[in-house]
Amino acid sequence: MLKAAAERPAMGFMGLWNLSFGFFGIQVGFALQNANVSRIFQSLGTEIEMLAFLWIAGPVTGLLVQPVIGYLSDRTWTRLGRRRPFFLAGALLASLALVAMPNSPALWFAAGTLWILDASLNTAMEPFRAFVGDMLPARQRTAGYAFQTAFIGAGAVVASLTPIFLAQVLGVSNVAAEGEIPPSVRLAFYLGAAALLASVLWTVVTAREFSPEEMRRFEGESAAIDAREPLARPAHGFWWAAAGALIVVGVQQFALDKPVYILGAALIFFGAAQAWTRRLADKGTQGGFLPRLVSDLVGMPPTMRRLALAQFFTWIALFIMWIYSTPVVTRHIFGATEVGTAAYNDGADWVGVMFAVYNGVAALAAFLLPALVGRLGMVRTHALCLVMGAAGYALYFVLHDPIAILGAMALVGVAWASILTMPYAILASTLPQAKLGTYMGLFNIFIVLPQLMVSAVMGTVMRLFFPGEPLWTMAIAALVLVAAALAMLRVAEPGPPPAANV
């Protein structure tokens, strides 16, 4: 007979703070990437039509890394726990990549560093989503994800404003010679690397994880963690991930006429992963990793399946915004048609302000969402917020003043708060806790697939339908965000919304 599950202890304010503070630093890394990578690529000579293709690192690494890390973190136990080792390893690698990227001597180097940065950030981020489900009782999970959203917003605000603060307040130059990255951007990335590592270390040190025995007590014996399962079991997944990375990186770098450098690095990674797998196989370990993931993906619960469609449309819109905000703002608001001019760099700095606004609004809105959920439910709350985000994108066509466009970004910020909170709160209320990391990783496939699609096709769409006019990408973003809101209305409400006790 199975023992009844016990309830996890509730956490106070500082417990919730410590649990999610690492997300502040992770989002510093993502925000520096989102607001500045197009600027870096253009500074190194990239045409607008090539930007989406060069951003392909994000979706591909997410597609390869997130399910693997989710699966691993469900089945790993070390002295640090099962989630925290991944926080720490990802943060260390991401910090190194942040230091390297603004020192890129050429486009091929920047593109390759983006692969490393995105894979590392995904490694650190993915287990954080499951961490809330691990550590909090059901009634506190909406509040737990709201804390994550607040730290995501705060980290993004700080990171997005840093380049313009360095330039306008501290006098660090935001202009560089042709083919070089401005000093203000380089220094912002160095500071971001330090903030990322320090905040993740805070969570690693202050947040204790429940042991496998405690998790058995909370979930019942049927949901026990197999703490004895070695890391060897998912090794074959890394082999295939390496193979996929080799193929895609090789194709990308061939398109840049610089295939040999990063292709060589990918070959080293590929060979090391294959050798590791073979060594583990020689010890008699058996790999059932890929069949299990495929089985979980095909058999995912109905609520997750319907929510995945909404996520797919949502992240098309977000990825379009991240890629094309710099050319849209510099060209249509600041009137800069030449990269590297003072007007271009002022516009690129303003993109950081815009991103800070939408993330700052998200940080504040996150704490209002539980009250709205109490009135409308999770599903209708999320649908409403997505429509507000679509309105923000549509306003690009009627607002032409830099200050006025911040109002549009405030609407996007409301949507962003919900995007970071509601889907995960819905999932945490409906998914089996023993597989929460695995399902969260699989769910993120529906974040990276639309990004992959945007990377693959948006350059061609621009060349065919609106060459040299990136503003029309915002119309596409608005339309697909409306489609996401409509898709949300097909998602079943997961029961009475949990109370937001903190």
Protein backbone atom coordinates (compact mmCIF):
# COMPACT_ATOMS: atom_id res chain seq x y z
CA MET A 1 0.00 0.00 0.00
CA LEU A 2 1.29 3.45 -0.96
CA LYS A 3 1.76 6.02 1.75
CA ALA A 4 -0.26 9.22 1.58
CA ALA A 5 1.66 12.24 0.36
CA ALA A 6 2.63 14.93 2.87
CA GLU A 7 2.40 18.64 2.07
CA ARG A 8 5.54 20.65 1.43
CA PRO A 9 6.19 23.35 4.04
CA ALA A 10 5.14 26.86 3.04
CA MET A 11 7.84 29.49 2.59
CA GLY A 12 8.02 33.05 3.82
CA PHE A 13 9.14 36.06 1.83
CA MET A 14 12.88 35.40 2.14
CA GLY A 15 12.46 31.74 1.25
CA LEU A 16 10.68 32.69 -1.98
CA TRP A 17 13.33 35.35 -2.62
CA ASN A 18 16.24 32.92 -2.21
CA LEU A 19 14.49 30.30 -4.32
CA SER A 20 14.29 32.52 -7.39
CA PHE A 21 17.02 35.18 -7.00
CA GLY A 22 19.28 33.30 -9.42
CA PHE A 23 16.79 34.12 -12.16
CA PHE A 24 17.83 37.77 -11.82
CA GLY A 25 21.29 36.96 -13.13
CA ILE A 26 20.08 34.51 -15.77
CA GLN A 27 17.81 37.20 -17.17
CA VAL A 28 20.66 39.71 -17.12
CA GLY A 29 22.36 37.38 -19.57
CA PHE A 30 19.27 36.89 -21.73
CA ALA A 31 18.46 40.63 -21.73
CA LEU A 32 21.97 41.63 -22.79
CA GLN A 33 21.69 39.08 -25.57
CA ASN A 34 18.19 40.11 -26.68
CA ALA A 35 18.86 43.85 -26.70
CA ASN A 36 22.39 43.84 -28.14
CA VAL A 37 23.08 40.80 -30.34
CA SER A 38 21.49 42.35 -33.45
CA ARG A 39 23.54 45.48 -32.73
CA ILE A 40 26.71 43.41 -32.45
CA PHE A 41 25.94 41.50 -35.65
CA GLN A 42 25.18 44.72 -37.56
CA SER A 43 28.33 46.37 -36.20
CA LEU A 44 30.29 43.43 -37.59
CA GLY A 45 28.77 43.86 -41.04
CA THR A 46 25.53 41.85 -41.13
CA GLU A 47 22.71 42.87 -43.45
CA ILE A 48 19.18 43.14 -41.96
CA GLU A 49 17.97 40.16 -43.99
CA MET A 50 20.64 37.93 -42.41
CA LEU A 51 19.83 38.79 -38.78
CA ALA A 52 17.16 36.13 -38.28
CA PHE A 53 19.45 33.42 -39.65
CA LEU A 54 22.27 34.38 -37.30
CA TRP A 55 19.86 34.27 -34.33
CA ILE A 56 19.24 30.58 -35.05
CA ALA A 57 21.52 29.65 -32.14
CA GLY A 58 18.79 30.33 -29.59
CA PRO A 59 16.09 28.00 -30.88
CA VAL A 60 18.43 25.19 -31.87
CA THR A 61 20.28 25.11 -28.57
CA GLY A 62 16.97 25.35 -26.72
CA LEU A 63 15.58 22.46 -28.73
CA LEU A 64 18.62 20.32 -27.98
CA VAL A 65 19.44 21.41 -24.43
CA GLN A 66 16.17 21.98 -22.60
CA PRO A 67 14.62 18.49 -22.85
CA VAL A 68 17.98 16.90 -22.01
CA ILE A 69 18.55 19.14 -18.99
CA GLY A 70 14.98 18.67 -17.80
CA TYR A 71 15.35 14.89 -18.01
CA LEU A 72 18.75 14.96 -16.32
CA SER A 73 17.69 17.21 -13.47
CA ASP A 74 14.76 14.91 -12.66
CA ARG A 75 17.16 11.98 -12.27
CA THR A 76 20.35 13.43 -10.81
CA TRP A 77 21.31 13.70 -7.17
CA THR A 78 24.60 15.18 -5.95
CA ARG A 79 25.83 16.90 -2.81
CA LEU A 80 24.39 20.12 -4.24
CA GLY A 81 21.03 18.47 -4.97
CA ARG A 82 19.46 17.74 -8.33
CA ARG A 83 18.63 21.20 -9.77
CA ARG A 84 21.42 23.38 -8.33
CA PRO A 85 24.35 21.69 -10.15
CA PHE A 86 22.77 22.75 -13.44
CA PHE A 87 22.23 26.31 -12.20
CA LEU A 88 25.90 26.57 -11.31
CA ALA A 89 27.39 24.92 -14.40
CA GLY A 90 25.24 26.98 -16.76
CA ALA A 91 26.06 30.22 -14.96
CA LEU A 92 29.81 29.62 -15.11
CA LEU A 93 29.79 28.94 -18.86
CA ALA A 94 27.37 31.78 -19.61
CA SER A 95 29.56 34.26 -17.71
CA LEU A 96 32.57 33.30 -19.83
CA ALA A 97 30.52 33.67 -23.02
CA LEU A 98 29.32 37.14 -21.95
CA VAL A 99 32.92 38.25 -21.57
CA ALA A 100 33.90 36.80 -24.95
CA MET A 101 31.01 38.00 -27.14
CA PRO A 102 31.64 41.80 -27.20
CA ASN A 103 35.29 41.09 -27.99
CA SER A 104 34.38 39.21 -31.17
CA PRO A 105 36.96 40.00 -33.86
CA ALA A 106 34.65 38.89 -36.66
CA LEU A 107 31.10 37.83 -37.40
CA TRP A 108 31.84 34.10 -37.29
CA PHE A 109 33.21 34.45 -33.75
CA ALA A 110 30.15 36.37 -32.52
CA ALA A 111 27.81 33.81 -34.07
CA GLY A 112 29.67 30.93 -32.45
CA THR A 113 29.78 32.63 -29.06
CA LEU A 114 26.02 33.12 -29.23
CA TRP A 115 25.66 29.33 -29.46
CA ILE A 116 27.70 28.85 -26.30
CA LEU A 117 25.90 31.66 -24.46
CA ASP A 118 22.43 30.43 -25.32
CA ALA A 119 23.18 26.80 -24.48
CA SER A 120 24.65 27.84 -21.12
CA LEU A 121 21.76 30.12 -20.22
CA ASN A 122 19.29 27.36 -21.11
CA THR A 123 21.22 24.93 -18.92
CA ALA A 124 20.91 27.30 -15.96
CA MET A 125 17.33 28.37 -16.65
CA GLU A 126 15.48 25.13 -17.36
CA PRO A 127 15.79 23.55 -13.86
CA PHE A 128 14.66 26.81 -12.23
CA ARG A 129 11.15 26.27 -13.60
CA ALA A 130 10.91 22.83 -12.00
CA PHE A 131 12.58 24.12 -8.81
CA VAL A 132 9.42 26.03 -7.82
CA GLY A 133 7.32 22.91 -8.28
CA ASP A 134 9.80 20.90 -6.21
CA MET A 135 9.99 23.28 -3.28
CA LEU A 136 6.57 24.89 -2.84
CA PRO A 137 3.12 23.58 -1.88
CA ALA A 138 0.43 23.90 -4.55
CA ARG A 139 -1.14 26.96 -2.93
CA GLN A 140 2.13 28.94 -3.25
CA ARG A 141 3.14 28.06 -6.80
CA THR A 142 1.48 31.04 -8.47
CA ALA A 143 3.32 33.26 -5.99
CA GLY A 144 6.55 31.33 -6.63
CA TYR A 145 6.35 31.86 -10.38
CA ALA A 146 5.40 35.49 -9.77
CA PHE A 147 8.67 35.92 -7.83
CA GLN A 148 10.54 34.40 -10.77
CA THR A 149 8.80 36.80 -13.13
CA ALA A 150 9.67 39.75 -10.89
CA PHE A 151 13.35 38.79 -10.88
CA ILE A 152 13.26 38.20 -14.62
CA GLY A 153 11.86 41.71 -15.05
CA ALA A 154 14.33 43.28 -12.63
CA GLY A 155 17.32 41.57 -14.24
CA ALA A 156 16.20 42.59 -17.70
CA VAL A 157 15.67 46.21 -16.64
CA VAL A 158 19.14 46.46 -15.16
CA ALA A 159 20.80 44.77 -18.14
CA SER A 160 18.83 46.69 -20.78
CA LEU A 161 19.60 50.09 -19.23
CA THR A 162 23.28 49.44 -18.55
CA PRO A 163 24.65 50.40 -22.01
CA ILE A 164 22.78 53.72 -22.15
CA PHE A 165 23.61 54.44 -18.48
CA LEU A 166 27.29 53.87 -19.18
CA ALA A 167 27.12 56.13 -22.24
CA GLN A 168 24.86 58.95 -21.03
CA VAL A 169 25.74 59.08 -17.33
CA LEU A 170 29.31 57.78 -17.04
CA GLY A 171 30.52 59.02 -20.41
CA VAL A 172 31.62 55.67 -21.83
CA SER A 173 31.62 55.92 -25.62
CA ASN A 174 28.77 54.21 -27.47
CA VAL A 175 30.47 54.61 -30.86
CA ALA A 176 33.29 52.50 -32.25
CA ALA A 177 35.31 52.22 -35.43
CA GLU A 178 33.82 50.25 -38.29
CA GLY A 179 33.76 46.52 -37.50
CA GLU A 180 34.19 47.02 -33.75
CA ILE A 181 31.83 46.84 -30.75
CA PRO A 182 31.26 50.10 -28.80
CA PRO A 183 33.03 50.28 -25.40
CA SER A 184 29.72 50.84 -23.57
CA VAL A 185 28.42 47.51 -24.88
CA ARG A 186 31.62 45.67 -23.94
CA LEU A 187 31.58 47.01 -20.38
CA ALA A 188 27.87 46.19 -20.01
CA PHE A 189 28.59 42.56 -20.92
CA TYR A 190 31.43 42.35 -18.38
CA LEU A 191 29.19 43.69 -15.61
CA GLY A 192 26.46 41.31 -16.69
CA ALA A 193 28.78 38.34 -16.40
CA ALA A 194 29.58 39.26 -12.80
CA ALA A 195 25.91 39.80 -11.91
CA LEU A 196 24.91 36.49 -13.48
CA LEU A 197 27.43 34.46 -11.54
CA ALA A 198 26.83 36.25 -8.22
CA SER A 199 23.04 35.90 -8.25
CA VAL A 200 23.06 32.22 -9.20
CA LEU A 201 25.59 31.56 -6.44
CA TRP A 202 23.18 33.25 -4.02
CA THR A 203 20.45 30.72 -4.81
CA VAL A 204 22.88 27.80 -4.79
CA VAL A 205 24.11 28.76 -1.31
CA THR A 206 20.85 29.84 0.33
CA ALA A 207 18.21 27.49 -1.12
CA ARG A 208 18.28 23.94 0.21
CA GLU A 209 16.80 21.17 -1.93
CA PHE A 210 14.64 18.39 -0.55
CA SER A 211 16.33 14.98 -0.47
CA PRO A 212 14.95 12.02 -2.45
CA GLU A 213 13.49 10.64 0.78
CA GLU A 214 11.67 13.92 1.47
CA MET A 215 10.36 14.02 -2.09
CA ARG A 216 8.98 10.51 -1.64
CA ARG A 217 7.13 11.69 1.44
CA PHE A 218 5.70 14.72 -0.36
CA GLU A 219 4.63 12.90 -3.53
CA GLY A 220 4.00 9.38 -2.27
CA GLU A 221 6.18 6.39 -3.02
CA SER A 222 4.87 6.09 -6.59
CA ALA A 223 6.60 9.37 -7.46
CA ALA A 224 9.96 8.60 -5.91
CA ILE A 225 13.12 10.02 -7.43
CA ASP A 226 15.61 7.41 -8.53
CA ALA A 227 18.64 9.05 -6.99
CA ARG A 228 20.79 6.06 -7.93
CA GLU A 229 20.29 6.52 -11.66
CA PRO A 230 23.65 7.70 -13.02
CA LEU A 231 24.26 10.45 -15.54
CA ALA A 232 25.21 7.70 -17.97
CA ARG A 233 21.58 7.01 -18.80
CA PRO A 234 21.06 10.27 -20.77
CA ALA A 235 24.51 10.13 -22.40
CA HIS A 236 23.12 9.01 -25.73
CA GLY A 237 20.98 12.13 -25.76
CA PHE A 238 24.13 14.26 -25.62
CA TRP A 239 25.55 12.27 -28.52
CA TRP A 240 22.56 13.17 -30.68
CA ALA A 241 22.57 16.74 -29.42
CA ALA A 242 26.19 17.04 -30.49
CA ALA A 243 25.37 15.60 -33.90
CA GLY A 244 22.57 18.10 -34.39
CA ALA A 245 24.77 20.99 -33.26
CA LEU A 246 27.51 19.88 -35.65
CA ILE A 247 25.17 19.86 -38.63
CA VAL A 248 23.44 23.17 -37.92
CA VAL A 249 26.57 25.08 -36.88
CA GLY A 250 28.39 23.77 -39.93
CA VAL A 251 25.62 24.91 -42.25
CA GLN A 252 25.43 28.31 -40.58
CA GLN A 253 29.15 28.92 -40.72
CA PHE A 254 29.35 27.71 -44.31
CA ALA A 255 26.77 30.38 -45.14
CA LEU A 256 29.08 32.93 -43.51
CA ASP A 257 32.03 31.69 -45.61
CA LYS A 258 33.91 30.90 -42.40
CA PRO A 259 33.17 27.22 -41.83
CA VAL A 260 36.43 25.92 -40.52
CA TYR A 261 36.73 27.60 -37.13
CA ILE A 262 33.48 26.78 -35.38
CA LEU A 263 33.10 23.58 -37.37
CA GLY A 264 36.33 22.43 -35.76
CA ALA A 265 35.02 23.29 -32.29
CA ALA A 266 31.81 21.41 -33.02
CA LEU A 267 33.82 18.37 -34.14
CA ILE A 268 35.72 18.40 -30.85
CA PHE A 269 32.48 18.56 -28.91
CA PHE A 270 30.95 15.83 -31.07
CA GLY A 271 33.97 13.55 -30.61
CA ALA A 272 34.10 14.10 -26.85
CA ALA A 273 30.41 13.32 -26.44
CA GLN A 274 30.73 10.17 -28.55
CA ALA A 275 33.76 9.00 -26.57
CA TRP A 276 31.97 9.62 -23.28
CA THR A 277 28.97 7.64 -24.44
CA ARG A 278 31.16 4.75 -25.57
CA ARG A 279 33.05 4.69 -22.27
CA LEU A 280 29.82 4.56 -20.31
CA ALA A 281 28.46 1.86 -22.59
CA ASP A 282 31.58 -0.19 -21.95
CA LYS A 283 30.69 -0.12 -18.26
CA GLY A 284 27.39 -1.80 -19.05
CA THR A 285 25.01 1.12 -18.69
CA GLN A 286 21.87 1.07 -20.80
CA GLY A 287 20.38 4.16 -22.43
CA GLY A 288 16.63 4.58 -22.63
CA PHE A 289 16.76 8.35 -22.72
CA LEU A 290 15.48 9.20 -26.21
CA PRO A 291 12.62 6.66 -26.26
CA ARG A 292 11.42 7.95 -22.89
CA LEU A 293 11.48 11.57 -24.05
CA VAL A 294 9.64 10.73 -27.26
CA SER A 295 7.07 8.73 -25.30
CA ASP A 296 6.51 11.62 -22.89
CA LEU A 297 6.23 14.08 -25.78
CA VAL A 298 3.68 11.99 -27.67
CA GLY A 299 1.70 11.19 -24.53
CA MET A 300 1.73 14.65 -22.93
CA PRO A 301 -1.46 15.58 -21.06
CA PRO A 302 -4.27 17.32 -23.04
CA THR A 303 -3.89 20.60 -21.15
CA MET A 304 -0.19 20.72 -21.98
CA ARG A 305 -0.93 19.95 -25.64
CA ARG A 306 -3.40 22.82 -26.00
CA LEU A 307 -1.18 25.17 -24.05
CA ALA A 308 1.71 24.27 -26.35
CA LEU A 309 -0.15 25.71 -29.36
CA ALA A 310 -0.60 29.03 -27.58
CA GLN A 311 3.09 29.02 -26.66
CA PHE A 312 4.03 28.37 -30.28
CA PHE A 313 2.26 31.52 -31.52
CA THR A 314 3.39 33.58 -28.52
CA TRP A 315 7.07 32.94 -29.08
CA ILE A 316 6.92 33.71 -32.78
CA ALA A 317 5.90 37.23 -31.77
CA LEU A 318 8.55 37.56 -29.06
CA PHE A 319 11.39 36.34 -31.24
CA ILE A 320 10.41 38.75 -34.00
CA MET A 321 10.54 41.59 -31.48
CA TRP A 322 13.98 40.61 -30.17
CA ILE A 323 15.50 40.26 -33.62
CA TYR A 324 14.02 43.29 -35.34
CA SER A 325 13.59 45.93 -32.61
CA THR A 326 17.04 47.39 -33.30
CA PRO A 327 16.59 47.89 -37.06
CA VAL A 328 12.96 49.05 -36.59
CA VAL A 329 13.81 51.64 -33.93
CA THR A 330 17.05 52.91 -35.48
CA ARG A 331 15.47 53.22 -38.93
CA HIS A 332 11.87 54.31 -38.31
CA ILE A 333 12.15 56.30 -35.07
CA PHE A 334 15.72 57.66 -35.16
CA GLY A 335 16.00 57.89 -38.96
CA ALA A 336 19.35 56.07 -39.15
CA THR A 337 19.89 54.16 -42.39
CA GLU A 338 23.64 53.61 -41.88
CA VAL A 339 25.04 51.29 -39.19
CA GLY A 340 27.67 52.81 -36.92
CA THR A 341 26.50 56.41 -37.10
CA ALA A 342 25.71 58.42 -33.98
CA ALA A 343 21.97 58.24 -34.77
CA TYR A 344 22.18 54.46 -35.16
CA ASN A 345 23.93 53.98 -31.82
CA ASP A 346 21.55 56.37 -30.06
CA GLY A 347 18.65 54.33 -31.45
CA ALA A 348 20.30 51.05 -30.44
CA ASP A 349 20.76 52.43 -26.91
CA TRP A 350 17.06 53.39 -26.89
CA VAL A 351 16.13 49.78 -27.65
CA GLY A 352 17.68 48.99 -24.27
CA VAL A 353 15.40 51.58 -22.64
CA MET A 354 12.37 50.07 -24.40
CA PHE A 355 13.31 46.59 -23.26
CA ALA A 356 13.82 47.92 -19.73
CA VAL A 357 10.30 49.37 -19.77
CA TYR A 358 8.56 46.19 -20.85
CA ASN A 359 10.54 44.13 -18.37
CA GLY A 360 9.99 46.64 -15.57
CA VAL A 361 6.25 46.63 -16.20
CA ALA A 362 6.36 42.82 -16.20
CA ALA A 363 8.10 42.79 -12.81
CA LEU A 364 5.32 44.92 -11.32
CA ALA A 365 2.46 43.24 -13.16
CA ALA A 366 3.61 39.82 -11.95
CA PHE A 367 2.34 40.59 -8.45
CA LEU A 368 -1.03 41.77 -9.78
CA LEU A 369 -1.64 38.59 -11.76
CA PRO A 370 -2.76 36.44 -8.77
CA ALA A 371 -5.57 38.93 -8.05
CA LEU A 372 -6.64 38.92 -11.70
CA VAL A 373 -6.52 35.13 -11.72
CA GLY A 374 -8.89 35.15 -8.75
CA ARG A 375 -11.46 36.99 -10.88
CA LEU A 376 -10.92 35.55 -14.37
CA GLY A 377 -9.03 32.29 -13.87
CA MET A 378 -5.61 31.48 -15.26
CA VAL A 379 -6.67 30.83 -18.85
CA ARG A 380 -8.69 34.00 -19.48
CA THR A 381 -6.11 36.11 -17.62
CA HIS A 382 -3.41 34.89 -19.97
CA ALA A 383 -5.57 35.41 -23.07
CA LEU A 384 -6.35 38.98 -22.03
CA CYS A 385 -2.68 39.79 -21.43
CA LEU A 386 -1.70 38.39 -24.83
CA VAL A 387 -4.22 40.66 -26.55
CA MET A 388 -2.69 43.64 -24.72
CA GLY A 389 0.72 42.63 -26.04
CA ALA A 390 -0.66 42.45 -29.59
CA ALA A 391 -1.98 45.99 -29.19
CA GLY A 392 1.50 47.10 -28.13
CA TYR A 393 3.03 45.76 -31.35
CA ALA A 394 0.29 47.35 -33.46
CA LEU A 395 1.05 50.76 -31.93
CA TYR A 396 4.44 50.76 -33.67
CA PHE A 397 2.53 51.92 -36.76
CA VAL A 398 1.03 55.02 -35.15
CA LEU A 399 3.71 56.07 -32.64
CA HIS A 400 6.85 57.69 -34.01
CA ASP A 401 8.27 59.47 -30.97
CA PRO A 402 10.86 57.66 -28.80
CA ILE A 403 9.00 58.54 -25.58
CA ALA A 404 5.59 57.59 -26.95
CA ILE A 405 6.77 54.15 -28.06
CA LEU A 406 7.45 53.35 -24.40
CA GLY A 407 3.69 53.20 -23.90
CA ALA A 408 3.48 50.42 -26.47
CA MET A 409 6.23 48.57 -24.65
CA ALA A 410 4.29 48.85 -21.39
CA LEU A 411 1.49 46.82 -23.00
CA VAL A 412 4.04 44.26 -24.15
CA GLY A 413 5.28 44.16 -20.57
CA VAL A 414 1.87 43.10 -19.28
CA ALA A 415 1.85 40.27 -21.81
CA TRP A 416 5.42 39.31 -20.86
CA ALA A 417 4.49 39.05 -17.17
CA SER A 418 1.73 36.60 -18.03
CA ILE A 419 3.89 34.66 -20.50
CA LEU A 420 6.46 34.05 -17.78
CA THR A 421 3.90 33.12 -15.12
CA MET A 422 0.59 31.68 -16.29
CA PRO A 423 1.69 28.77 -18.53
CA TYR A 424 4.01 27.42 -15.83
CA ALA A 425 1.45 27.85 -13.06
CA ILE A 426 -1.09 25.96 -15.20
CA LEU A 427 1.41 23.19 -15.91
CA ALA A 428 2.54 22.88 -12.28
CA SER A 429 -1.12 22.38 -11.33
CA THR A 430 -1.73 19.62 -13.88
CA LEU A 431 1.51 17.68 -14.40
CA PRO A 432 2.87 14.75 -12.35
CA GLN A 433 5.50 16.14 -10.00
CA ALA A 434 7.94 13.25 -10.48
CA LYS A 435 8.31 14.24 -14.15
CA LEU A 436 8.00 17.99 -13.74
CA GLY A 437 11.51 18.75 -15.04
CA THR A 438 11.05 16.47 -18.03
CA TYR A 439 7.69 17.95 -18.97
CA MET A 440 8.92 21.52 -18.47
CA GLY A 441 11.81 20.77 -20.82
CA LEU A 442 9.47 19.24 -23.39
CA PHE A 443 7.09 22.16 -23.05
CA ASN A 444 9.92 24.52 -23.95
CA ILE A 445 10.18 22.77 -27.32
CA PHE A 446 7.13 24.84 -28.20
CA ILE A 447 9.12 27.93 -27.33
CA VAL A 448 12.14 27.06 -29.45
CA LEU A 449 10.36 25.60 -32.49
CA PRO A 450 8.71 28.93 -33.38
CA GLN A 451 12.04 30.68 -32.88
CA LEU A 452 13.63 28.18 -35.24
CA MET A 453 10.90 28.87 -37.77
CA VAL A 454 11.40 32.63 -37.51
CA SER A 455 15.15 32.20 -37.93
CA ALA A 456 14.67 30.04 -41.00
CA VAL A 457 12.02 32.00 -42.90
CA MET A 458 11.85 35.65 -41.78
CA GLY A 459 14.86 36.72 -43.83
CA THR A 460 13.22 35.33 -46.96
CA VAL A 461 9.87 36.92 -46.03
CA MET A 462 11.57 40.30 -45.68
CA ARG A 463 13.40 40.03 -49.00
CA LEU A 464 10.23 39.02 -50.87
CA PHE A 465 7.57 41.22 -49.30
CA PHE A 466 9.11 44.24 -47.53
CA PRO A 467 12.83 44.62 -48.34
CA GLY A 468 14.46 47.29 -46.21
CA GLU A 469 11.24 47.85 -44.23
CA PRO A 470 11.56 45.88 -40.97
CA LEU A 471 8.60 47.77 -39.45
CA TRP A 472 6.22 45.24 -41.03
CA THR A 473 7.65 42.50 -38.85
CA MET A 474 5.73 44.11 -35.97
CA ALA A 475 2.45 43.61 -37.84
CA ILE A 476 3.23 39.90 -38.09
CA ALA A 477 4.06 39.84 -34.36
CA ALA A 478 0.71 41.46 -33.49
CA LEU A 479 -1.28 38.99 -35.61
CA VAL A 480 0.34 35.87 -34.20
CA LEU A 481 -0.08 37.12 -30.62
CA VAL A 482 -3.83 37.45 -31.29
CA ALA A 483 -3.74 33.86 -32.58
CA ALA A 484 -2.05 32.83 -29.32
CA ALA A 485 -4.83 34.46 -27.30
CA LEU A 486 -7.47 32.58 -29.29
CA ALA A 487 -5.59 29.32 -28.80
CA MET A 488 -5.55 29.92 -25.03
CA LEU A 489 -9.34 29.87 -24.95
CA ARG A 490 -9.19 26.15 -25.83
CA VAL A 491 -7.12 25.38 -22.71
CA ALA A 492 -9.06 23.90 -19.78
CA GLU A 493 -8.92 25.87 -16.55
CA PRO A 494 -6.96 23.69 -14.05
CA GLY A 495 -9.47 24.06 -11.24
CA PRO A 496 -9.74 26.76 -8.58
CA PRO A 497 -6.68 29.00 -8.79
CA PRO A 498 -4.25 28.43 -5.92
CA ALA A 499 -4.06 31.13 -3.28
CA ALA A 500 -1.12 33.49 -3.56
CA ASN A 501 0.13 33.04 0.00
CA VAL A 502 3.63 34.24 0.58
